[in-house]
Amino acid sequence: MASRKRIHKFSWKSAIGKRLLAYLSQRPAAIERYYMHLVPHHLADVTEVFRQHIRQLAEQSSNRAEYRGVCRIPTASQGGWDRGGKRHR
């Protein structure tokens, strides 16, 4: 029975990661959900999507409370990642 259970391993570096990045570039708000999986292999791309997302939210903010929400968005650099995509925490 144990042989029937297969764990499908994939790399966020593979085509799946690239397709997810393409999706996120069209829908930057979703970056907050997926960034931690992509940062080790796609730090520059994730950073750019975060920039898009933050800009969009800042432009839509109409009061101080909404702008504070923009400031609370986690970014790849705040998540403890360095430029090489390695976790340093």
N, C-alpha and C. Protein backbone atom coordinates (compact mmCIF):
# COMPACT_ATOMS: atom_id res chain seq x y z
N MET A 1 0.81 -1.19 0.00
CA MET A 1 0.00 0.00 0.00
C MET A 1 0.86 1.26 0.00
N ALA A 2 1.96 1.20 0.70
CA ALA A 2 2.83 2.37 0.77
C ALA A 2 3.39 2.73 -0.59
N SER A 3 3.55 1.73 -1.46
CA SER A 3 4.10 2.01 -2.79
C SER A 3 3.12 2.79 -3.66
N ARG A 4 1.83 2.72 -3.36
CA ARG A 4 0.84 3.46 -4.13
C ARG A 4 0.88 4.96 -3.86
N LYS A 5 1.31 5.30 -2.69
CA LYS A 5 1.37 6.72 -2.33
C LYS A 5 2.63 7.33 -2.90
N ARG A 6 2.46 8.19 -3.83
CA ARG A 6 3.61 8.88 -4.42
C ARG A 6 3.52 10.35 -4.08
N ILE A 7 4.61 10.85 -3.69
CA ILE A 7 4.67 12.28 -3.40
C ILE A 7 5.30 12.94 -4.61
N HIS A 8 4.54 13.81 -5.23
CA HIS A 8 5.05 14.51 -6.39
C HIS A 8 5.87 15.71 -5.93
N LYS A 9 7.14 15.63 -6.19
CA LYS A 9 8.02 16.73 -5.82
C LYS A 9 8.23 17.60 -7.04
N PHE A 10 8.19 18.87 -6.83
CA PHE A 10 8.47 19.79 -7.93
C PHE A 10 9.27 20.94 -7.38
N SER A 11 9.88 21.63 -8.26
CA SER A 11 10.70 22.76 -7.87
C SER A 11 10.02 24.04 -8.27
N TRP A 12 10.02 25.00 -7.39
CA TRP A 12 9.48 26.32 -7.72
C TRP A 12 10.35 26.98 -8.78
N LYS A 13 11.50 26.39 -9.03
CA LYS A 13 12.43 26.87 -10.04
C LYS A 13 11.98 26.45 -11.44
N SER A 14 11.17 25.43 -11.49
CA SER A 14 10.75 24.83 -12.75
C SER A 14 9.69 25.67 -13.45
N ALA A 15 9.07 25.04 -14.42
CA ALA A 15 8.02 25.70 -15.21
C ALA A 15 6.85 26.14 -14.33
N ILE A 16 6.59 25.41 -13.27
CA ILE A 16 5.49 25.79 -12.37
C ILE A 16 5.77 27.15 -11.75
N GLY A 17 6.99 27.35 -11.29
CA GLY A 17 7.36 28.63 -10.71
C GLY A 17 7.27 29.76 -11.72
N LYS A 18 7.69 29.49 -12.95
CA LYS A 18 7.63 30.51 -13.99
C LYS A 18 6.19 30.83 -14.37
N ARG A 19 5.33 29.81 -14.42
CA ARG A 19 3.92 30.07 -14.72
C ARG A 19 3.25 30.85 -13.59
N LEU A 20 3.61 30.52 -12.37
CA LEU A 20 3.06 31.25 -11.23
C LEU A 20 3.50 32.71 -11.27
N LEU A 21 4.73 32.96 -11.61
CA LEU A 21 5.22 34.35 -11.74
C LEU A 21 4.46 35.09 -12.83
N ALA A 22 4.19 34.43 -13.94
CA ALA A 22 3.42 35.06 -15.02
C ALA A 22 2.02 35.41 -14.51
N TYR A 23 1.40 34.51 -13.76
CA TYR A 23 0.09 34.76 -13.18
C TYR A 23 0.14 35.95 -12.22
N LEU A 24 1.17 35.96 -11.36
CA LEU A 24 1.29 37.02 -10.36
C LEU A 24 1.57 38.37 -10.98
N SER A 25 2.25 38.40 -12.11
CA SER A 25 2.49 39.69 -12.75
C SER A 25 1.19 40.29 -13.27
N GLN A 26 0.20 39.45 -13.55
CA GLN A 26 -1.12 39.94 -13.97
C GLN A 26 -2.02 40.25 -12.77
N ARG A 27 -1.77 39.59 -11.65
CA ARG A 27 -2.57 39.76 -10.43
C ARG A 27 -1.64 39.93 -9.23
N PRO A 28 -0.99 41.09 -9.11
CA PRO A 28 0.03 41.30 -8.07
C PRO A 28 -0.47 41.11 -6.64
N ALA A 29 -1.75 41.27 -6.38
CA ALA A 29 -2.25 41.12 -5.01
C ALA A 29 -2.02 39.71 -4.47
N ALA A 30 -1.94 38.72 -5.33
CA ALA A 30 -1.75 37.34 -4.89
C ALA A 30 -0.32 37.06 -4.45
N ILE A 31 0.59 37.98 -4.64
CA ILE A 31 2.00 37.77 -4.27
C ILE A 31 2.15 37.52 -2.77
N GLU A 32 1.30 38.11 -1.96
CA GLU A 32 1.40 37.93 -0.51
C GLU A 32 1.18 36.48 -0.12
N ARG A 33 0.47 35.72 -0.92
CA ARG A 33 0.20 34.33 -0.61
C ARG A 33 1.33 33.40 -1.07
N TYR A 34 2.02 33.75 -2.15
CA TYR A 34 2.97 32.81 -2.76
C TYR A 34 4.44 33.19 -2.66
N TYR A 35 4.75 34.40 -2.21
CA TYR A 35 6.13 34.87 -2.31
C TYR A 35 7.15 33.97 -1.60
N MET A 36 6.79 33.40 -0.46
CA MET A 36 7.77 32.63 0.30
C MET A 36 8.23 31.38 -0.43
N HIS A 37 7.42 30.89 -1.36
CA HIS A 37 7.81 29.72 -2.13
C HIS A 37 8.71 30.10 -3.31
N LEU A 38 8.56 31.31 -3.80
CA LEU A 38 9.27 31.74 -5.00
C LEU A 38 10.59 32.45 -4.73
N VAL A 39 10.72 33.07 -3.59
CA VAL A 39 11.89 33.90 -3.28
C VAL A 39 13.22 33.16 -3.44
N PRO A 40 13.36 31.93 -2.98
CA PRO A 40 14.67 31.30 -3.09
C PRO A 40 15.21 31.20 -4.52
N HIS A 41 14.33 31.16 -5.50
CA HIS A 41 14.77 31.00 -6.88
C HIS A 41 14.47 32.19 -7.78
N HIS A 42 13.59 33.08 -7.34
CA HIS A 42 13.13 34.17 -8.20
C HIS A 42 13.04 35.49 -7.43
N LEU A 43 14.05 35.82 -6.65
CA LEU A 43 14.01 37.00 -5.79
C LEU A 43 13.74 38.29 -6.57
N ALA A 44 14.44 38.50 -7.66
CA ALA A 44 14.27 39.75 -8.43
C ALA A 44 12.85 39.86 -8.99
N ASP A 45 12.31 38.76 -9.50
CA ASP A 45 10.96 38.78 -10.05
C ASP A 45 9.92 39.02 -8.96
N VAL A 46 10.09 38.37 -7.82
CA VAL A 46 9.17 38.54 -6.70
C VAL A 46 9.21 39.99 -6.21
N THR A 47 10.39 40.56 -6.14
CA THR A 47 10.53 41.95 -5.70
C THR A 47 9.79 42.89 -6.64
N GLU A 48 9.89 42.64 -7.93
CA GLU A 48 9.19 43.49 -8.90
C GLU A 48 7.67 43.37 -8.77
N VAL A 49 7.18 42.17 -8.54
CA VAL A 49 5.73 41.98 -8.37
C VAL A 49 5.28 42.68 -7.08
N PHE A 50 6.08 42.59 -6.02
CA PHE A 50 5.75 43.31 -4.79
C PHE A 50 5.67 44.82 -5.06
N ARG A 51 6.61 45.33 -5.84
CA ARG A 51 6.58 46.77 -6.16
C ARG A 51 5.29 47.15 -6.88
N GLN A 52 4.89 46.33 -7.84
CA GLN A 52 3.64 46.59 -8.56
C GLN A 52 2.46 46.59 -7.60
N HIS A 53 2.43 45.59 -6.73
CA HIS A 53 1.33 45.44 -5.78
C HIS A 53 1.26 46.64 -4.82
N ILE A 54 2.40 47.02 -4.29
CA ILE A 54 2.45 48.14 -3.35
C ILE A 54 2.05 49.44 -4.04
N ARG A 55 2.53 49.65 -5.26
CA ARG A 55 2.14 50.87 -6.00
C ARG A 55 0.64 50.92 -6.23
N GLN A 56 0.05 49.79 -6.65
CA GLN A 56 -1.39 49.75 -6.90
C GLN A 56 -2.18 50.09 -5.63
N LEU A 57 -1.79 49.47 -4.52
CA LEU A 57 -2.50 49.74 -3.27
C LEU A 57 -2.33 51.19 -2.81
N ALA A 58 -1.12 51.72 -2.97
CA ALA A 58 -0.88 53.10 -2.56
C ALA A 58 -1.70 54.07 -3.40
N GLU A 59 -1.81 53.79 -4.70
CA GLU A 59 -2.61 54.66 -5.57
C GLU A 59 -4.09 54.60 -5.22
N GLN A 60 -4.56 53.44 -4.76
CA GLN A 60 -5.97 53.27 -4.42
C GLN A 60 -6.30 53.76 -3.01
N SER A 61 -5.28 53.98 -2.19
CA SER A 61 -5.51 54.42 -0.81
C SER A 61 -6.06 55.83 -0.80
N SER A 62 -7.13 56.00 -0.04
CA SER A 62 -7.75 57.32 0.01
C SER A 62 -7.68 57.95 1.40
N ASN A 63 -7.16 57.20 2.37
CA ASN A 63 -7.04 57.77 3.71
C ASN A 63 -5.85 57.15 4.43
N ARG A 64 -5.58 57.67 5.58
CA ARG A 64 -4.39 57.25 6.34
C ARG A 64 -4.45 55.78 6.75
N ALA A 65 -5.60 55.28 7.11
CA ALA A 65 -5.74 53.89 7.54
C ALA A 65 -5.42 52.93 6.38
N GLU A 66 -5.90 53.26 5.20
CA GLU A 66 -5.60 52.41 4.05
C GLU A 66 -4.11 52.45 3.71
N TYR A 67 -3.50 53.61 3.83
CA TYR A 67 -2.08 53.72 3.54
C TYR A 67 -1.26 52.94 4.57
N ARG A 68 -1.71 52.92 5.82
CA ARG A 68 -1.03 52.12 6.84
C ARG A 68 -1.06 50.64 6.46
N GLY A 69 -2.17 50.22 5.88
CA GLY A 69 -2.27 48.83 5.42
C GLY A 69 -1.24 48.52 4.36
N VAL A 70 -0.96 49.49 3.49
CA VAL A 70 0.07 49.32 2.47
C VAL A 70 1.44 49.13 3.13
N CYS A 71 1.67 49.87 4.17
CA CYS A 71 2.97 49.80 4.86
C CYS A 71 3.17 48.47 5.59
N ARG A 72 2.11 47.74 5.84
CA ARG A 72 2.20 46.47 6.56
C ARG A 72 2.46 45.28 5.64
N ILE A 73 2.50 45.50 4.36
CA ILE A 73 2.69 44.41 3.41
C ILE A 73 4.10 43.84 3.58
N PRO A 74 4.19 42.53 3.75
CA PRO A 74 5.52 41.93 3.87
C PRO A 74 6.21 41.97 2.51
N THR A 75 7.49 42.13 2.53
CA THR A 75 8.24 42.09 1.27
C THR A 75 9.28 40.98 1.38
N ALA A 76 9.84 40.64 0.27
CA ALA A 76 10.83 39.57 0.25
C ALA A 76 12.01 39.90 1.16
N SER A 77 12.43 41.16 1.18
CA SER A 77 13.58 41.52 2.01
C SER A 77 13.24 41.47 3.49
N GLN A 78 11.99 41.73 3.85
CA GLN A 78 11.59 41.65 5.25
C GLN A 78 11.43 40.20 5.70
N GLY A 79 11.29 39.31 4.74
CA GLY A 79 11.11 37.90 5.05
C GLY A 79 12.40 37.19 5.39
N GLY A 80 13.52 37.90 5.42
CA GLY A 80 14.77 37.30 5.80
C GLY A 80 15.52 36.67 4.64
N TRP A 81 15.33 37.20 3.43
CA TRP A 81 16.00 36.65 2.25
C TRP A 81 17.07 37.62 1.80
N ASP A 82 18.19 37.07 1.36
CA ASP A 82 19.22 37.94 0.81
C ASP A 82 19.14 37.94 -0.71
N ARG A 83 20.00 38.70 -1.36
CA ARG A 83 19.95 38.82 -2.82
C ARG A 83 20.20 37.51 -3.53
N GLY A 84 20.87 36.59 -2.90
CA GLY A 84 21.13 35.29 -3.49
C GLY A 84 19.98 34.31 -3.33
N GLY A 85 18.90 34.77 -2.68
CA GLY A 85 17.73 33.92 -2.48
C GLY A 85 17.87 32.95 -1.33
N LYS A 86 18.81 33.21 -0.42
CA LYS A 86 19.00 32.33 0.73
C LYS A 86 18.43 32.97 1.98
N ARG A 87 17.83 32.15 2.80
CA ARG A 87 17.23 32.63 4.04
C ARG A 87 18.34 32.95 5.03
N HIS A 88 18.29 34.11 5.65
CA HIS A 88 19.35 34.47 6.60
C HIS A 88 18.84 34.65 8.01
N ARG A 89 17.67 34.16 8.31
CA ARG A 89 17.17 34.20 9.69
C ARG A 89 17.35 32.89 10.36
